[in-house]
Amino acid sequence: MPEALESYLGYYIYFWIGDNLEPVHVHVAKTQQPGATKFWVTTESVEIAKDTGSVDSRDMKKILRYLRRNREQIITRWLSRFGSADLKR
């Protein structure tokens, strides 16, 4: 079950319940669906983990820039939802 955090450029940015089994990450797609593009929140930035094509190539740079600017907020929301946060290096 997805938990939407917010939307940007018409894309949902969300966690899935059970995501806490992996390091901090978000899913991004036009609809809250399995198979969305996945982004790792790393110790330094935000990086694409799995590009499934759910983010249009014309929007990818904007989405990455947005996620990087809001990295701390994503971590805070993850901690609030899951209680602990591991970051990829």
Protein backbone atom coordinates (compact mmCIF):
# COMPACT_ATOMS: atom_id res chain seq x y z
CA MET A 1 0.00 0.00 0.00
CA PRO A 2 1.50 3.37 -0.99
CA GLU A 3 1.72 6.38 1.29
CA ALA A 4 1.85 9.58 -0.76
CA LEU A 5 4.18 12.24 0.57
CA GLU A 6 3.41 14.92 -1.98
CA SER A 7 3.20 15.59 -5.67
CA TYR A 8 5.40 17.53 -8.07
CA LEU A 9 4.90 18.16 -11.81
CA GLY A 10 1.92 15.83 -11.69
CA TYR A 11 3.95 12.94 -10.22
CA TYR A 12 3.27 11.30 -6.87
CA ILE A 13 6.24 10.89 -4.56
CA TYR A 14 5.58 8.09 -2.11
CA PHE A 15 6.72 5.27 0.19
CA TRP A 16 5.28 1.77 0.20
CA ILE A 17 4.35 0.17 3.50
CA GLY A 18 7.16 -2.29 4.15
CA ASP A 19 9.76 -0.11 2.42
CA ASN A 20 11.68 0.10 5.69
CA LEU A 21 13.31 -3.24 4.86
CA GLU A 22 15.55 -1.27 2.47
CA PRO A 23 17.56 1.97 2.81
CA VAL A 24 15.67 5.26 2.50
CA HIS A 25 14.07 5.70 -0.92
CA VAL A 26 11.02 7.08 -2.67
CA HIS A 27 8.93 5.95 -5.62
CA VAL A 28 7.81 8.41 -8.27
CA ALA A 29 5.05 7.94 -10.87
CA LYS A 30 1.93 9.61 -12.26
CA THR A 31 -0.16 7.06 -10.33
CA GLN A 32 0.69 5.28 -7.09
CA GLN A 33 1.63 1.94 -8.58
CA PRO A 34 4.09 -0.89 -8.21
CA GLY A 35 6.92 -0.57 -10.70
CA ALA A 36 7.38 3.18 -10.30
CA THR A 37 10.79 4.80 -10.74
CA LYS A 38 12.76 4.39 -7.51
CA PHE A 39 15.24 6.89 -6.05
CA TRP A 40 17.74 6.15 -3.27
CA VAL A 41 18.35 8.84 -0.68
CA THR A 42 22.10 8.56 -0.11
CA THR A 43 24.41 10.06 2.50
CA GLU A 44 25.23 12.86 0.07
CA SER A 45 22.38 13.18 -2.44
CA VAL A 46 19.51 11.41 -4.20
CA GLU A 47 20.20 8.98 -7.06
CA ILE A 48 18.12 6.90 -9.44
CA ALA A 49 17.85 3.33 -8.16
CA LYS A 50 15.59 1.87 -10.85
CA ASP A 51 14.27 3.74 -13.87
CA THR A 52 11.10 1.99 -14.97
CA GLY A 53 10.05 4.73 -17.34
CA SER A 54 7.32 6.04 -15.03
CA VAL A 55 9.05 9.45 -15.09
CA ASP A 56 9.18 11.04 -18.52
CA SER A 57 12.77 11.63 -19.63
CA ARG A 58 11.95 15.34 -20.09
CA ASP A 59 11.01 15.56 -16.39
CA MET A 60 13.79 13.41 -14.88
CA LYS A 61 16.27 16.26 -14.21
CA LYS A 62 13.55 18.37 -12.60
CA ILE A 63 12.41 15.47 -10.41
CA LEU A 64 15.98 14.70 -9.33
CA ARG A 65 16.65 18.36 -8.54
CA TYR A 66 13.40 18.54 -6.53
CA LEU A 67 14.19 15.38 -4.56
CA ARG A 68 17.73 16.60 -3.85
CA ARG A 69 16.44 19.96 -2.59
CA ASN A 70 13.96 18.13 -0.34
CA ARG A 71 16.30 15.32 0.78
CA GLU A 72 16.19 16.24 4.48
CA GLN A 73 12.39 16.41 4.46
CA ILE A 74 12.23 12.95 2.85
CA ILE A 75 14.50 11.54 5.56
CA THR A 76 12.40 13.21 8.27
CA ARG A 77 9.18 11.78 6.81
CA TRP A 78 10.82 8.32 6.55
CA LEU A 79 11.88 8.48 10.21
CA SER A 80 8.39 9.56 11.22
CA ARG A 81 6.83 6.69 9.26
CA PHE A 82 9.32 3.87 9.91
CA GLY A 83 11.25 4.91 13.05
CA SER A 84 14.77 4.44 11.69
CA ALA A 85 16.62 5.35 8.52
CA ASP A 86 19.58 3.73 6.79
CA LEU A 87 21.12 5.65 3.91
CA LYS A 88 23.04 4.25 0.95
CA ARG A 89 26.58 5.52 0.58
